[in-house]
Amino acid sequence: MDKHIDEVNLVKLRSITNEIELGIIKEILEDNKIPYIVKDYGPGAHMRIISGGSIFGTDVMVSEEDILKASDLLESINIEE
């Protein structure tokens, strides 16, 4: 049975200000079937829609269950916080 979103504890995997790094991280998580949420600061979400990027910073959030696997994947390709 799938968990409902309110039953999942999300934790921050990385804080990012670089759109290229964000794209790489999203692709790695998707390839490894790790669900994630992108959380923008300030008007960053609006900027992302209008201009394709944000200068306000972005957090990539994953579930507590997936944090170790996701961190290990990023460290294996030298993406460290």
C-alpha atoms as a PDB file:
ATOM      1  CA  MET A   1       0.000   0.000   0.000  1.00  0.00           C
ATOM      2  CA  ASP A   2       1.360   3.412  -0.969  1.00  0.00           C
ATOM      3  CA  LYS A   3       1.898   6.031   1.696  1.00  0.00           C
ATOM      4  CA  HIS A   4      -0.093   9.220   1.568  1.00  0.00           C
ATOM      5  CA  ILE A   5       1.904  12.427   1.250  1.00  0.00           C
ATOM      6  CA  ASP A   6       1.017  13.461   4.820  1.00  0.00           C
ATOM      7  CA  GLU A   7       2.605  10.234   6.114  1.00  0.00           C
ATOM      8  CA  VAL A   8       6.000  10.964   4.534  1.00  0.00           C
ATOM      9  CA  ASN A   9       8.623  12.973   6.393  1.00  0.00           C
ATOM     10  CA  LEU A  10      10.607  15.050   3.930  1.00  0.00           C
ATOM     11  CA  VAL A  11      14.199  16.087   4.584  1.00  0.00           C
ATOM     12  CA  LYS A  12      16.516  18.371   2.642  1.00  0.00           C
ATOM     13  CA  LEU A  13      18.917  16.536   0.372  1.00  0.00           C
ATOM     14  CA  ARG A  14      20.676  19.612  -1.030  1.00  0.00           C
ATOM     15  CA  SER A  15      20.370  23.381  -1.337  1.00  0.00           C
ATOM     16  CA  ILE A  16      21.191  24.517  -4.861  1.00  0.00           C
ATOM     17  CA  THR A  17      21.676  27.839  -6.648  1.00  0.00           C
ATOM     18  CA  ASN A  18      22.900  26.386  -9.951  1.00  0.00           C
ATOM     19  CA  GLU A  19      20.343  25.226 -12.555  1.00  0.00           C
ATOM     20  CA  ILE A  20      22.771  22.764 -14.137  1.00  0.00           C
ATOM     21  CA  GLU A  21      23.426  21.051 -10.812  1.00  0.00           C
ATOM     22  CA  LEU A  22      19.679  20.970 -10.127  1.00  0.00           C
ATOM     23  CA  GLY A  23      19.088  19.257 -13.468  1.00  0.00           C
ATOM     24  CA  ILE A  24      21.787  16.661 -12.778  1.00  0.00           C
ATOM     25  CA  ILE A  25      20.413  15.884  -9.316  1.00  0.00           C
ATOM     26  CA  LYS A  26      16.847  15.588 -10.601  1.00  0.00           C
ATOM     27  CA  GLU A  27      17.965  13.202 -13.357  1.00  0.00           C
ATOM     28  CA  ILE A  28      19.913  11.011 -10.907  1.00  0.00           C
ATOM     29  CA  LEU A  29      16.935  10.807  -8.550  1.00  0.00           C
ATOM     30  CA  GLU A  30      14.533  10.016 -11.392  1.00  0.00           C
ATOM     31  CA  ASP A  31      16.852   7.347 -12.842  1.00  0.00           C
ATOM     32  CA  ASN A  32      16.983   5.675  -9.421  1.00  0.00           C
ATOM     33  CA  LYS A  33      13.237   6.031  -8.824  1.00  0.00           C
ATOM     34  CA  ILE A  34      13.678   8.259  -5.768  1.00  0.00           C
ATOM     35  CA  PRO A  35      10.723  10.645  -5.413  1.00  0.00           C
ATOM     36  CA  TYR A  36      11.638  14.249  -4.692  1.00  0.00           C
ATOM     37  CA  ILE A  37      10.156  17.708  -4.336  1.00  0.00           C
ATOM     38  CA  VAL A  38      11.812  20.933  -5.488  1.00  0.00           C
ATOM     39  CA  LYS A  39      11.187  23.750  -3.003  1.00  0.00           C
ATOM     40  CA  ASP A  40      11.991  27.281  -4.173  1.00  0.00           C
ATOM     41  CA  TYR A  41      12.628  30.269  -1.905  1.00  0.00           C
ATOM     42  CA  GLY A  42      10.850  33.617  -2.204  1.00  0.00           C
ATOM     43  CA  PRO A  43       9.486  34.275  -5.676  1.00  0.00           C
ATOM     44  CA  GLY A  44      11.801  31.579  -7.039  1.00  0.00           C
ATOM     45  CA  ALA A  45       8.967  29.351  -8.255  1.00  0.00           C
ATOM     46  CA  HIS A  46       7.531  32.215 -10.301  1.00  0.00           C
ATOM     47  CA  MET A  47      10.971  33.034 -11.689  1.00  0.00           C
ATOM     48  CA  ARG A  48      11.487  29.383 -12.626  1.00  0.00           C
ATOM     49  CA  ILE A  49       8.231  29.411 -14.618  1.00  0.00           C
ATOM     50  CA  ILE A  50       8.949  32.720 -16.349  1.00  0.00           C
ATOM     51  CA  SER A  51      12.697  32.539 -16.956  1.00  0.00           C
ATOM     52  CA  GLY A  52      13.571  28.873 -16.455  1.00  0.00           C
ATOM     53  CA  GLY A  53      15.641  29.469 -13.326  1.00  0.00           C
ATOM     54  CA  SER A  54      15.758  31.060  -9.903  1.00  0.00           C
ATOM     55  CA  ILE A  55      18.367  33.233  -8.205  1.00  0.00           C
ATOM     56  CA  PHE A  56      16.786  32.700  -4.787  1.00  0.00           C
ATOM     57  CA  GLY A  57      17.960  29.133  -4.216  1.00  0.00           C
ATOM     58  CA  THR A  58      16.241  25.797  -4.280  1.00  0.00           C
ATOM     59  CA  ASP A  59      16.029  22.863  -1.895  1.00  0.00           C
ATOM     60  CA  VAL A  60      15.659  19.310  -3.146  1.00  0.00           C
ATOM     61  CA  MET A  61      13.603  17.337  -0.638  1.00  0.00           C
ATOM     62  CA  VAL A  62      13.362  13.530  -0.359  1.00  0.00           C
ATOM     63  CA  SER A  63      11.742  11.197   2.136  1.00  0.00           C
ATOM     64  CA  GLU A  64      13.627  10.164   5.265  1.00  0.00           C
ATOM     65  CA  GLU A  65      13.583   6.604   3.918  1.00  0.00           C
ATOM     66  CA  ASP A  66      15.476   7.657   0.768  1.00  0.00           C
ATOM     67  CA  ILE A  67      17.937  10.199   2.175  1.00  0.00           C
ATOM     68  CA  LEU A  68      20.877   7.802   2.650  1.00  0.00           C
ATOM     69  CA  LYS A  69      20.515   6.245  -0.802  1.00  0.00           C
ATOM     70  CA  ALA A  70      20.131   9.658  -2.449  1.00  0.00           C
ATOM     71  CA  SER A  71      23.127  11.119  -0.578  1.00  0.00           C
ATOM     72  CA  ASP A  72      25.288   8.128  -1.494  1.00  0.00           C
ATOM     73  CA  LEU A  73      24.344   8.473  -5.163  1.00  0.00           C
ATOM     74  CA  LEU A  74      25.299  12.163  -5.220  1.00  0.00           C
ATOM     75  CA  GLU A  75      28.548  11.574  -3.358  1.00  0.00           C
ATOM     76  CA  SER A  76      29.483   8.774  -5.764  1.00  0.00           C
ATOM     77  CA  ILE A  77      29.650  11.341  -8.582  1.00  0.00           C
ATOM     78  CA  ASN A  78      31.257  14.035  -6.388  1.00  0.00           C
ATOM     79  CA  ILE A  79      28.184  16.203  -5.856  1.00  0.00           C
ATOM     80  CA  GLU A  80      28.582  17.112  -2.223  1.00  0.00           C
ATOM     81  CA  GLU A  81      27.079  19.916  -0.198  1.00  0.00           C
END
